[in-house]
Amino acid sequence: MSEHAEKPDVSLKDKEDVQLKVSSAHAPDKSSELVVSNSDVADSTSSDFVPKESVPSDSVPNKNIPSMPASTNGGNEQKAVTQGLTIDERSSSGLRRHKIIVAACFCASLSLLLLNSFDLKHLIERSATLDKNSKLTFDTPNAELPPDLDYSEQGYRLAVAPELLPVYKSSWKGKLYGFVDRAGKLVIQPQFTQAFDFADGLAPVRVGDEQEGRWGYIDATGKFKVRPKFTFAHRFDHGVAVVRDGKRQALIDKTGEQIVPFDFFGFNFLNTGIVANTSKMRSGILDFSGKWILPPVYTDISEFRPTELTSPPSRVVPGMHEFQMDKNAKFLRIRKNDMYGVATSLGKVVVEPKYEDIISYNNGIVAISVDGKIGFVDDKTGKQLIPPQYDYATPYDSIIAVKKQGKWSFINSRGKPLSGNSFDKVITQPNGDWFSDGLGAVVVKDKVGYVNDKGEFVIKPLFDMATVFKNKRAIVYLANQFLTIDTSGKAIPGFVFGSLRGDYGNRLYVKIPGPLFPFVENSRIKDINRDIKDWIEGKSNFYYSGRSRWEY
């Protein structure tokens, strides 16, 4: 329709339904009301509209003020609002709503205060440390710090932390580190540009920036016992520490004296000695006084490692295959003139370097590799027990899992096939160990179970992840949590974990679910399961539990 089209004529008779009621000035207790019929709401906007009854000028709204649009329900909402409450009543209603909001905020604040004051977080989960003897030590809460201090990431494991914990103070210039005691009292003022935990009574600290700064060692009073002169300094272990001057490394004692000079490129600490790599690219084993117990005549000294990753990442408790030397390793693989042998961690050579490759060593029997095929030899007699024919084989035992032409099967110690269950993969330790405490972990259709020395299932394949048994215990993942089971497959009470993470020593850091864990942490459980699923499918690196093997 054209905007210049004439408007239809509206007669006064059609507008007689409009009524204006004005309360008398002598009756202040009655509120005024405006009643508009549905049929005439639109007509009231017409320019020739004239009300039937005259209205006093002081009660007519200012026509310059735009009117509110008509309600879709014919004005009933406007009528209800106008007629329902007086101004005083509406004010009272708003005040009540305000009081309710204030009360709700007060209750929420009080609840948070109570949770913080009484430390009710243990109802959700508790942090603990599990040692190699399966002893649980529960963490104590971090002490409150002054507002300008924060705990360094090295000081949060209070169950195993030293007496003094590193803290830092931030400023526009950067962070300065100091130390507090377990009560949160500042013992050593923030003054260092970096600091690590105490060990053997000393802590490595840095003075100066990252490029030009130097590292030294302080005691519990903050005084330097070894002046800062190194480009980097590690924590003490067995009374000695690794220090660096440029790319060269040395060992020092607690007085700062060099046990061995800056003539090394790397050290690996064992519980019985130190594997040292010299600047001449030769390796040997030192004791903790710096004396050679295995002379540096070998081109390489390492742990035994599987020739392939036999444990599928989706079925191993995450972190099992972090390749770092096990401090508790008893046997090491040595290499000389491109031939391999075996030495103990105490420096005794038990198998001279004479094999093309050695895959494992167990019970005096070596698994050798010849032209890429694995067999077994009794090194003492030189007798070949099982000819090299397998693509992969677990260490020699009463039952051996072998892989040939892409298929897995079991053989006994004489090489005879066992009529056990079929399986898809095996679960091993990082050093390749598989059969322990009379059981071996295998994967069948994406689930992990355990077989005996006949290849028969003792614990059916039920678990999403699992570890090898150690001290008659294994950790498995089932129904959104980590369980500790015995050799019969029964869960051990008190050893159920919401998460776990290992260090490079003899401990596991775990979370013990509380009674509120399924309710409060439901969203986190979903996140964990999503992370596990993504990790299994190769979409991400699963980080939830670091190194989780049992290091005995």
Protein backbone atom coordinates (compact mmCIF):
# COMPACT_ATOMS: atom_id res chain seq x y z
CA MET A 1 0.00 0.00 0.00
CA SER A 2 1.29 3.44 -0.85
CA GLU A 3 2.35 5.59 2.05
CA HIS A 4 0.18 8.39 0.56
CA ALA A 5 -3.05 6.33 0.63
CA GLU A 6 -5.90 7.93 2.56
CA LYS A 7 -6.64 6.61 6.01
CA PRO A 8 -10.11 5.11 6.49
CA ASP A 9 -12.62 7.32 8.24
CA VAL A 10 -13.25 6.37 11.82
CA SER A 11 -16.48 7.62 13.36
CA LEU A 12 -16.90 8.73 16.95
CA LYS A 13 -19.49 6.09 17.44
CA ASP A 14 -16.92 3.39 16.91
CA LYS A 15 -14.90 4.84 19.76
CA GLU A 16 -17.52 4.93 22.43
CA ASP A 17 -16.01 1.89 24.09
CA VAL A 18 -13.15 4.01 25.32
CA GLN A 19 -13.74 5.03 28.90
CA LEU A 20 -11.60 7.17 31.09
CA LYS A 21 -12.10 6.87 34.80
CA VAL A 22 -10.39 9.35 37.02
CA SER A 23 -10.53 8.97 40.75
CA SER A 24 -11.88 11.87 42.73
CA ALA A 25 -9.40 14.16 44.40
CA HIS A 26 -11.44 13.71 47.58
CA ALA A 27 -10.86 9.90 47.57
CA PRO A 28 -7.07 9.46 47.80
CA ASP A 29 -7.38 5.85 48.93
CA LYS A 30 -8.60 4.75 45.51
CA SER A 31 -6.13 4.51 42.68
CA SER A 32 -6.99 5.79 39.25
CA GLU A 33 -7.42 3.34 36.43
CA LEU A 34 -7.45 3.48 32.67
CA VAL A 35 -9.59 0.96 30.77
CA VAL A 36 -9.08 0.52 27.03
CA SER A 37 -11.05 -1.92 24.94
CA ASN A 38 -9.24 -4.32 22.66
CA SER A 39 -11.01 -3.12 19.58
CA ASP A 40 -9.98 0.46 20.00
CA VAL A 41 -6.33 0.25 21.01
CA ALA A 42 -5.25 0.74 17.43
CA ASP A 43 -7.88 3.44 16.77
CA SER A 44 -6.69 5.51 19.70
CA THR A 45 -3.62 6.40 17.72
CA SER A 46 -5.66 8.00 14.94
CA SER A 47 -5.15 11.73 14.48
CA ASP A 48 -8.90 12.52 14.48
CA PHE A 49 -9.65 10.57 17.63
CA VAL A 50 -11.63 12.57 20.17
CA PRO A 51 -12.73 11.05 23.48
CA LYS A 52 -16.40 11.09 24.24
CA GLU A 53 -15.91 12.70 27.60
CA SER A 54 -13.62 15.56 28.27
CA VAL A 55 -10.59 14.92 30.39
CA PRO A 56 -8.95 17.58 32.56
CA SER A 57 -5.79 18.92 31.00
CA ASP A 58 -3.66 18.15 34.00
CA SER A 59 -4.47 14.42 33.66
CA VAL A 60 -3.73 14.15 29.94
CA PRO A 61 -0.31 12.63 29.18
CA ASN A 62 2.22 14.75 27.31
CA LYS A 63 1.78 13.87 23.65
CA ASN A 64 5.47 14.48 23.05
CA ILE A 65 6.31 11.47 25.20
CA PRO A 66 6.02 8.30 23.11
CA SER A 67 3.45 5.87 24.38
CA MET A 68 4.30 2.26 25.25
CA PRO A 69 3.38 -0.27 22.58
CA ALA A 70 0.20 -2.19 23.12
CA SER A 71 0.51 -5.53 24.85
CA THR A 72 -0.03 -8.62 22.75
CA ASN A 73 -2.65 -9.84 25.19
CA GLY A 74 -4.88 -6.86 24.64
CA GLY A 75 -3.68 -4.68 27.52
CA ASN A 76 -4.42 -7.13 30.29
CA GLU A 77 -0.78 -7.03 31.50
CA GLN A 78 -0.90 -3.25 31.70
CA LYS A 79 -4.14 -3.40 33.59
CA ALA A 80 -2.82 -6.01 36.00
CA VAL A 81 0.37 -4.08 36.75
CA THR A 82 -1.53 -0.84 37.26
CA GLN A 83 -4.26 -2.34 39.41
CA GLY A 84 -2.23 -4.97 41.31
CA LEU A 85 0.10 -3.04 43.65
CA THR A 86 0.46 0.42 45.07
CA ILE A 87 3.81 2.18 44.97
CA ASP A 88 4.47 1.26 48.62
CA GLU A 89 3.66 -2.40 47.94
CA ARG A 90 5.92 -2.51 44.92
CA SER A 91 8.76 -0.98 46.97
CA SER A 92 8.19 -3.54 49.72
CA SER A 93 8.33 -6.40 47.19
CA GLY A 94 11.65 -5.13 45.78
CA LEU A 95 13.08 -4.84 49.28
CA ARG A 96 12.17 -8.43 50.01
CA ARG A 97 13.93 -9.60 46.83
CA HIS A 98 16.99 -7.60 47.78
CA LYS A 99 17.07 -9.22 51.24
CA ILE A 100 16.81 -12.69 49.69
CA ILE A 101 19.74 -12.00 47.35
CA VAL A 102 21.86 -10.64 50.20
CA ALA A 103 21.02 -13.65 52.39
CA ALA A 104 21.91 -16.07 49.58
CA CYS A 105 25.29 -14.37 49.04
CA PHE A 106 25.97 -14.46 52.78
CA CYS A 107 25.18 -18.18 52.97
CA ALA A 108 27.43 -18.94 49.99
CA SER A 109 30.30 -16.95 51.53
CA LEU A 110 29.80 -18.67 54.89
CA SER A 111 29.85 -22.09 53.20
CA LEU A 112 33.11 -21.31 51.46
CA LEU A 113 34.57 -20.03 54.72
CA LEU A 114 33.57 -23.21 56.55
CA LEU A 115 35.01 -25.42 53.80
CA ASN A 116 38.28 -23.52 54.00
CA SER A 117 38.40 -23.39 57.79
CA PHE A 118 37.65 -27.07 58.40
CA ASP A 119 39.52 -28.30 55.30
CA LEU A 120 36.69 -30.47 54.05
CA LYS A 121 38.44 -31.10 50.73
CA HIS A 122 39.32 -34.57 51.99
CA LEU A 123 35.65 -35.45 51.52
CA ILE A 124 36.34 -35.12 47.80
CA GLU A 125 39.87 -36.57 47.57
CA ARG A 126 43.12 -36.73 49.52
CA SER A 127 46.68 -36.63 48.22
CA ALA A 128 49.08 -39.32 49.36
CA THR A 129 52.39 -40.96 48.54
CA LEU A 130 52.71 -44.71 47.99
CA ASP A 131 56.20 -46.13 48.58
CA LYS A 132 57.69 -49.37 47.27
CA ASN A 133 56.43 -51.24 50.34
CA SER A 134 52.84 -50.12 49.57
CA LYS A 135 52.80 -47.77 52.56
CA LEU A 136 50.50 -44.78 52.14
CA THR A 137 51.57 -41.43 53.60
CA PHE A 138 48.93 -38.73 53.38
CA ASP A 139 49.97 -35.22 52.49
CA THR A 140 49.45 -32.43 54.97
CA PRO A 141 47.94 -29.19 53.66
CA ASN A 142 50.28 -26.43 52.59
CA ALA A 143 50.66 -23.81 55.30
CA GLU A 144 49.24 -20.38 54.58
CA LEU A 145 51.76 -17.95 53.15
CA PRO A 146 51.86 -14.15 53.26
CA PRO A 147 50.01 -12.58 50.30
CA ASP A 148 53.23 -11.68 48.48
CA LEU A 149 54.63 -15.26 48.49
CA ASP A 150 53.78 -18.39 46.51
CA TYR A 151 55.02 -21.95 46.71
CA SER A 152 57.49 -23.01 44.07
CA GLU A 153 56.43 -26.07 42.11
CA GLN A 154 59.25 -28.03 43.77
CA GLY A 155 57.61 -27.73 47.18
CA TYR A 156 54.13 -29.17 46.88
CA ARG A 157 54.71 -32.84 47.81
CA LEU A 158 54.71 -32.37 51.56
CA ALA A 159 54.57 -36.09 52.31
CA VAL A 160 58.12 -36.50 51.00
CA ALA A 161 59.37 -32.89 50.91
CA PRO A 162 62.29 -31.66 53.03
CA GLU A 163 61.80 -29.45 56.05
CA LEU A 164 62.33 -26.25 54.07
CA LEU A 165 60.26 -25.54 50.99
CA PRO A 166 61.13 -23.10 48.17
CA VAL A 167 58.84 -20.10 47.70
CA TYR A 168 59.03 -17.07 45.43
CA LYS A 169 58.07 -13.41 45.45
CA SER A 170 57.04 -11.81 42.17
CA SER A 171 57.78 -8.26 41.06
CA TRP A 172 58.12 -6.37 37.79
CA LYS A 173 61.77 -7.40 37.77
CA GLY A 174 60.91 -11.11 37.98
CA LYS A 175 60.84 -13.78 40.69
CA LEU A 176 63.05 -14.01 43.75
CA TYR A 177 63.23 -17.30 45.64
CA GLY A 178 63.51 -18.03 49.34
CA PHE A 179 62.50 -20.82 51.73
CA VAL A 180 59.80 -21.36 54.36
CA ASP A 181 59.37 -24.09 56.95
CA ARG A 182 56.37 -26.42 57.04
CA ALA A 183 54.45 -23.90 59.18
CA GLY A 184 54.80 -21.32 56.40
CA LYS A 185 57.28 -19.18 58.34
CA LEU A 186 59.84 -17.43 56.16
CA VAL A 187 63.29 -18.79 57.08
CA ILE A 188 65.42 -17.64 54.14
CA GLN A 189 64.46 -14.31 52.57
CA PRO A 190 63.66 -14.24 48.81
CA GLN A 191 66.99 -13.29 47.22
CA PHE A 192 67.83 -15.95 44.62
CA THR A 193 66.75 -15.93 40.97
CA GLN A 194 66.14 -19.72 41.09
CA ALA A 195 66.14 -22.38 43.78
CA PHE A 196 65.48 -26.11 44.10
CA ASP A 197 64.61 -28.39 47.02
CA PHE A 198 67.02 -29.29 49.78
CA ALA A 199 68.73 -32.69 49.60
CA ASP A 200 71.44 -33.97 51.94
CA GLY A 201 71.15 -30.68 53.84
CA LEU A 202 71.98 -28.43 50.87
CA ALA A 203 69.91 -26.67 48.21
CA PRO A 204 71.12 -25.49 44.78
CA VAL A 205 70.37 -21.78 44.17
CA ARG A 206 71.22 -19.30 41.45
CA VAL A 207 72.51 -15.74 41.82
CA GLY A 208 72.08 -13.54 38.74
CA ASP A 209 70.03 -13.96 35.57
CA GLU A 210 69.62 -17.09 33.50
CA GLN A 211 72.39 -16.22 31.01
CA GLU A 212 75.11 -14.80 33.26
CA GLY A 213 74.06 -16.13 36.68
CA ARG A 214 75.96 -18.73 38.68
CA TRP A 215 74.80 -21.64 40.84
CA GLY A 216 75.97 -22.62 44.30
CA TYR A 217 74.66 -24.45 47.40
CA ILE A 218 73.24 -23.04 50.64
CA ASP A 219 72.53 -24.65 53.99
CA ALA A 220 69.35 -24.37 56.07
CA THR A 221 70.39 -20.95 57.39
CA GLY A 222 70.76 -19.48 53.92
CA LYS A 223 74.57 -19.33 54.01
CA PHE A 224 76.58 -20.51 51.02
CA LYS A 225 78.42 -23.76 51.67
CA VAL A 226 79.53 -23.98 48.05
CA ARG A 227 79.96 -20.55 46.52
CA PRO A 228 78.08 -19.79 43.26
CA LYS A 229 80.49 -20.57 40.40
CA PHE A 230 78.70 -23.15 38.21
CA THR A 231 76.54 -22.61 35.13
CA PHE A 232 74.13 -25.20 36.55
CA ALA A 233 73.88 -27.35 39.67
CA HIS A 234 71.80 -30.44 40.42
CA ARG A 235 70.51 -31.65 43.78
CA PHE A 236 72.74 -33.88 45.88
CA ASP A 237 72.26 -37.64 45.71
CA HIS A 238 74.23 -40.09 47.87
CA GLY A 239 76.42 -37.21 49.02
CA VAL A 240 77.52 -36.10 45.55
CA ALA A 241 76.07 -33.69 43.01
CA VAL A 242 76.43 -33.03 39.29
CA VAL A 243 77.59 -29.52 38.39
CA ARG A 244 78.14 -27.95 34.99
CA ASP A 245 80.63 -25.53 33.54
CA GLY A 246 79.45 -24.85 30.02
CA LYS A 247 78.88 -28.22 28.35
CA ARG A 248 81.28 -30.15 30.60
CA GLN A 249 80.10 -31.78 33.81
CA ALA A 250 81.80 -32.85 37.03
CA LEU A 251 80.94 -34.42 40.38
CA ILE A 252 81.46 -32.56 43.67
CA ASP A 253 81.09 -33.47 47.32
CA LYS A 254 79.24 -31.40 49.94
CA THR A 255 82.27 -29.18 50.52
CA GLY A 256 82.42 -28.24 46.85
CA GLU A 257 85.54 -30.30 46.14
CA GLN A 258 85.62 -32.07 42.78
CA ILE A 259 85.34 -35.83 43.01
CA VAL A 260 85.89 -36.11 39.25
CA PRO A 261 86.95 -33.19 37.01
CA PHE A 262 85.00 -31.37 34.31
CA ASP A 263 85.69 -34.10 31.79
CA PHE A 264 82.26 -35.70 31.42
CA PHE A 265 79.23 -35.21 29.21
CA GLY A 266 76.64 -36.99 31.36
CA PHE A 267 75.86 -39.03 34.47
CA ASN A 268 73.08 -41.49 35.32
CA PHE A 269 72.60 -42.29 39.00
CA LEU A 270 71.85 -45.84 40.13
CA ASN A 271 71.33 -46.95 43.70
CA THR A 272 74.71 -48.70 43.56
CA GLY A 273 76.82 -46.28 41.53
CA ILE A 274 76.91 -43.76 38.70
CA VAL A 275 77.03 -44.52 34.99
CA ALA A 276 79.44 -41.89 33.61
CA ASN A 277 80.05 -40.81 30.02
CA THR A 278 83.46 -39.22 29.47
CA SER A 279 84.43 -36.51 26.99
CA LYS A 280 86.24 -39.22 24.99
CA MET A 281 82.88 -40.87 24.33
CA ARG A 282 83.56 -43.80 26.62
CA SER A 283 81.33 -45.09 29.44
CA GLY A 284 81.96 -46.81 32.75
CA ILE A 285 80.54 -47.02 36.27
CA LEU A 286 81.77 -44.93 39.22
CA ASP A 287 81.13 -45.53 42.89
CA PHE A 288 80.00 -42.58 45.02
CA SER A 289 83.58 -41.70 45.95
CA GLY A 290 84.48 -41.19 42.29
CA LYS A 291 86.42 -44.45 41.78
CA TRP A 292 85.85 -46.59 38.70
CA ILE A 293 84.20 -49.92 39.46
CA LEU A 294 83.72 -50.61 35.74
CA PRO A 295 86.43 -48.92 33.67
CA PRO A 296 85.38 -46.48 30.93
CA VAL A 297 86.21 -48.71 27.95
CA TYR A 298 82.70 -49.18 26.59
CA THR A 299 81.00 -47.17 23.89
CA ASP A 300 77.65 -47.45 25.64
CA ILE A 301 76.09 -48.64 28.90
CA SER A 302 72.32 -48.76 29.09
CA GLU A 303 69.30 -50.57 30.45
CA PHE A 304 67.70 -53.34 28.47
CA ARG A 305 65.00 -51.99 26.21
CA PRO A 306 62.45 -53.86 24.10
CA THR A 307 63.27 -53.92 20.38
CA GLU A 308 59.71 -52.76 19.82
CA LEU A 309 57.03 -51.17 21.97
CA THR A 310 55.25 -54.40 22.87
CA SER A 311 52.85 -52.65 25.22
CA PRO A 312 50.28 -50.69 23.19
CA PRO A 313 50.12 -47.16 24.66
CA SER A 314 46.36 -47.36 25.03
CA ARG A 315 46.62 -50.33 27.44
CA VAL A 316 49.61 -49.33 29.58
CA VAL A 317 49.16 -47.13 32.62
CA PRO A 318 50.51 -43.85 31.20
CA GLY A 319 54.17 -43.13 31.76
CA MET A 320 55.36 -46.75 31.86
CA HIS A 321 57.52 -46.25 28.80
CA GLU A 322 59.37 -43.08 29.73
CA PHE A 323 62.86 -44.15 28.82
CA GLN A 324 65.06 -43.05 31.70
CA MET A 325 67.54 -45.30 33.43
CA ASP A 326 66.02 -47.21 36.32
CA LYS A 327 67.95 -46.46 39.52
CA ASN A 328 67.24 -49.99 40.71
CA ALA A 329 68.48 -51.78 37.59
CA LYS A 330 70.54 -54.86 38.48
CA PHE A 331 71.81 -55.70 35.01
CA LEU A 332 73.00 -53.37 32.28
CA ARG A 333 73.75 -53.86 28.62
CA ILE A 334 77.33 -52.97 27.67
CA ARG A 335 78.68 -52.31 24.18
CA LYS A 336 82.26 -52.59 22.95
CA ASN A 337 83.52 -52.79 19.37
CA ASP A 338 79.90 -53.02 18.17
CA MET A 339 79.32 -56.19 20.20
CA TYR A 340 77.10 -56.50 23.28
CA GLY A 341 77.47 -58.08 26.70
CA VAL A 342 76.01 -57.78 30.22
CA ALA A 343 77.35 -56.20 33.42
CA THR A 344 75.86 -55.84 36.87
CA SER A 345 75.20 -52.42 38.38
CA LEU A 346 78.11 -53.18 40.77
CA GLY A 347 80.50 -53.28 37.83
CA LYS A 348 80.91 -57.03 37.33
CA VAL A 349 80.85 -58.28 33.74
CA VAL A 350 78.69 -61.43 33.54
CA VAL A 351 78.51 -61.71 29.74
CA GLU A 352 81.47 -60.54 27.66
CA PRO A 353 80.63 -58.33 24.68
CA LYS A 354 80.45 -61.00 21.93
CA TYR A 355 76.89 -60.94 20.64
CA GLU A 356 75.48 -58.95 17.75
CA ASP A 357 72.79 -57.67 20.10
CA ILE A 358 71.32 -58.63 23.45
CA ILE A 359 67.63 -58.05 24.05
CA SER A 360 67.28 -59.27 27.65
CA TYR A 361 69.05 -61.15 30.41
CA ASN A 362 67.25 -63.33 32.96
CA ASN A 363 68.17 -66.35 35.04
CA GLY A 364 71.61 -66.53 33.39
CA ILE A 365 70.07 -66.79 29.92
CA VAL A 366 70.54 -64.10 27.29
CA ALA A 367 68.09 -63.31 24.53
CA ILE A 368 70.31 -62.59 21.53
CA SER A 369 69.49 -61.05 18.18
CA VAL A 370 71.03 -62.47 14.99
CA ASP A 371 70.09 -60.82 11.70
CA GLY A 372 67.04 -59.31 13.42
CA LYS A 373 65.77 -62.65 14.80
CA ILE A 374 65.68 -63.45 18.53
CA GLY A 375 66.73 -66.67 20.24
CA PHE A 376 68.09 -67.76 23.62
CA VAL A 377 71.58 -68.85 24.73
CA ASP A 378 72.94 -70.13 28.03
CA ASP A 379 76.03 -67.94 28.21
CA LYS A 380 77.80 -70.06 30.84
CA THR A 381 77.78 -73.17 28.67
CA GLY A 382 77.43 -71.46 25.31
CA LYS A 383 74.54 -73.81 24.53
CA GLN A 384 71.83 -72.48 22.24
CA LEU A 385 68.52 -73.18 23.98
CA ILE A 386 66.13 -71.72 21.42
CA PRO A 387 67.37 -70.86 17.89
CA PRO A 388 66.92 -67.25 16.68
CA GLN A 389 63.61 -67.21 14.80
CA TYR A 390 61.29 -64.70 16.46
CA ASP A 391 60.62 -61.05 15.69
CA TYR A 392 60.18 -60.39 19.39
CA ALA A 393 60.37 -62.39 22.61
CA THR A 394 59.92 -61.58 26.28
CA PRO A 395 62.77 -62.46 28.70
CA TYR A 396 63.56 -66.10 29.32
CA ASP A 397 61.23 -67.76 31.85
CA SER A 398 58.95 -70.76 32.30
CA ILE A 399 56.66 -69.10 29.76
CA ILE A 400 57.78 -66.78 26.95
CA ALA A 401 55.57 -64.62 24.77
CA VAL A 402 56.90 -64.56 21.21
CA LYS A 403 55.94 -62.82 17.98
CA LYS A 404 56.48 -64.47 14.62
CA GLN A 405 55.14 -63.35 11.25
CA GLY A 406 52.90 -60.83 12.96
CA LYS A 407 51.23 -63.33 15.31
CA TRP A 408 51.72 -63.74 19.07
CA SER A 409 51.89 -67.07 20.90
CA PHE A 410 53.37 -68.73 24.00
CA ILE A 411 56.32 -71.10 24.25
CA ASN A 412 57.88 -72.79 27.27
CA SER A 413 61.52 -72.61 28.39
CA ARG A 414 62.43 -75.42 25.93
CA GLY A 415 60.86 -73.60 23.00
CA LYS A 416 57.79 -75.86 22.80
CA PRO A 417 54.48 -74.14 21.88
CA LEU A 418 51.87 -73.84 24.61
CA SER A 419 48.19 -74.26 23.87
CA GLY A 420 47.22 -71.17 25.81
CA ASN A 421 44.78 -68.42 24.98
CA SER A 422 45.25 -66.27 21.89
CA PHE A 423 46.15 -62.63 22.46
CA ASP A 424 47.01 -59.45 20.59
CA LYS A 425 49.83 -57.84 22.61
CA VAL A 426 51.73 -58.09 25.88
CA ILE A 427 52.24 -55.55 28.69
CA THR A 428 55.87 -55.19 29.75
CA GLN A 429 58.01 -53.10 32.03
CA PRO A 430 60.16 -50.45 30.31
CA ASN A 431 63.12 -52.86 30.47
CA GLY A 432 61.06 -55.58 28.77
CA ASP A 433 60.23 -57.63 31.88
CA TRP A 434 56.88 -59.34 31.46
CA PHE A 435 56.30 -62.42 33.64
CA SER A 436 56.31 -61.58 37.36
CA ASP A 437 54.75 -63.14 40.47
CA GLY A 438 53.63 -66.05 38.29
CA LEU A 439 51.53 -63.86 36.00
CA GLY A 440 51.96 -62.07 32.68
CA ALA A 441 49.74 -59.29 31.33
CA VAL A 442 48.29 -59.65 27.82
CA VAL A 443 45.85 -57.68 25.68
CA VAL A 444 42.79 -59.33 24.15
CA LYS A 445 40.39 -57.18 22.12
CA ASP A 446 41.52 -53.95 23.81
CA LYS A 447 41.19 -55.36 27.34
CA VAL A 448 44.02 -56.45 29.65
CA GLY A 449 44.10 -59.70 31.61
CA TYR A 450 46.72 -61.94 33.24
CA VAL A 451 47.84 -65.47 32.34
CA ASN A 452 49.78 -68.13 34.27
CA ASP A 453 52.83 -70.08 33.05
CA LYS A 454 50.57 -72.31 30.98
CA GLY A 455 49.05 -69.39 29.10
CA GLU A 456 45.70 -69.78 30.87
CA PHE A 457 43.81 -66.76 32.14
CA VAL A 458 43.89 -66.40 35.90
CA ILE A 459 42.48 -62.87 35.74
CA LYS A 460 40.15 -62.34 32.80
CA PRO A 461 40.66 -59.44 30.37
CA LEU A 462 38.56 -56.72 32.03
CA PHE A 463 40.79 -53.70 32.40
CA ASP A 464 41.37 -50.69 30.20
CA MET A 465 44.97 -50.29 31.44
CA ALA A 466 47.31 -52.29 33.62
CA THR A 467 50.85 -52.67 34.95
CA VAL A 468 53.08 -55.70 35.44
CA PHE A 469 52.81 -57.34 38.89
CA LYS A 470 55.39 -56.36 41.51
CA ASN A 471 55.36 -57.73 45.05
CA LYS A 472 52.11 -59.50 44.19
CA ARG A 473 50.33 -56.26 43.32
CA ALA A 474 49.39 -54.54 40.08
CA ILE A 475 47.59 -51.32 39.25
CA VAL A 476 44.71 -51.44 36.78
CA TYR A 477 42.24 -48.90 35.42
CA LEU A 478 38.55 -49.81 35.56
CA ALA A 479 35.30 -47.85 35.95
CA ASN A 480 36.87 -44.40 36.05
CA GLN A 481 39.47 -45.16 38.72
CA PHE A 482 42.77 -46.89 39.36
CA LEU A 483 42.58 -50.05 41.46
CA THR A 484 45.30 -52.08 43.12
CA ILE A 485 44.67 -55.80 42.71
CA ASP A 486 46.28 -58.93 44.13
CA THR A 487 47.28 -62.02 42.15
CA SER A 488 43.72 -63.36 42.34
CA GLY A 489 42.34 -60.21 40.70
CA LYS A 490 40.63 -58.86 43.83
CA ALA A 491 40.81 -55.15 44.58
CA ILE A 492 42.79 -54.33 47.71
CA PRO A 493 40.74 -52.09 50.05
CA GLY A 494 42.21 -48.67 50.69
CA PHE A 495 44.25 -48.68 47.47
CA VAL A 496 41.72 -47.18 45.08
CA PHE A 497 43.00 -44.03 43.37
CA GLY A 498 41.32 -41.26 41.43
CA SER A 499 44.65 -40.56 39.76
CA LEU A 500 48.32 -41.43 40.11
CA ARG A 501 51.64 -40.05 39.02
CA GLY A 502 55.12 -41.44 39.56
CA ASP A 503 58.51 -39.88 40.12
CA TYR A 504 61.89 -41.26 39.15
CA GLY A 505 62.49 -42.89 42.52
CA ASN A 506 60.51 -45.36 44.55
CA ARG A 507 57.24 -43.49 44.99
CA LEU A 508 53.85 -43.03 43.41
CA TYR A 509 51.84 -39.86 44.01
CA VAL A 510 48.16 -40.75 44.25
CA LYS A 511 44.75 -39.23 44.92
CA ILE A 512 42.39 -41.15 47.24
CA PRO A 513 38.71 -40.53 46.36
CA GLY A 514 36.46 -39.41 49.24
CA PRO A 515 32.70 -39.96 49.70
CA LEU A 516 31.85 -36.85 47.66
CA PHE A 517 34.20 -37.69 44.79
CA PRO A 518 31.52 -39.19 42.47
CA PHE A 519 29.33 -36.12 42.89
CA VAL A 520 31.72 -33.18 42.99
CA GLU A 521 34.23 -34.59 40.52
CA ASN A 522 31.75 -35.97 37.99
CA SER A 523 32.73 -33.39 35.41
CA ARG A 524 36.42 -34.12 35.95
CA ILE A 525 35.84 -37.85 35.54
CA LYS A 526 34.26 -37.10 32.17
CA ASP A 527 37.28 -34.99 31.24
CA ILE A 528 39.65 -37.78 32.29
CA ASN A 529 37.73 -40.34 30.24
CA ARG A 530 37.75 -38.00 27.26
CA ASP A 531 41.51 -37.52 27.61
CA ILE A 532 42.03 -41.28 27.83
CA LYS A 533 39.87 -41.83 24.75
CA ASP A 534 41.74 -39.16 22.78
CA TRP A 535 45.06 -40.63 23.91
CA ILE A 536 44.01 -44.14 22.88
CA GLU A 537 42.96 -42.85 19.46
CA GLY A 538 46.22 -40.95 19.10
CA LYS A 539 44.61 -37.52 19.17
CA SER A 540 46.60 -36.26 22.14
CA ASN A 541 49.34 -37.10 24.62
CA PHE A 542 47.79 -38.43 27.80
CA TYR A 543 49.40 -36.56 30.68
CA TYR A 544 47.25 -37.47 33.64
CA SER A 545 49.70 -39.68 35.48
CA GLY A 546 53.33 -39.25 34.50
CA ARG A 547 55.66 -42.14 35.22
CA SER A 548 53.69 -44.88 36.93
CA ARG A 549 55.84 -47.97 36.98
CA TRP A 550 56.87 -49.59 40.25
CA GLU A 551 60.59 -48.96 40.69
CA TYR A 552 61.81 -51.53 43.21
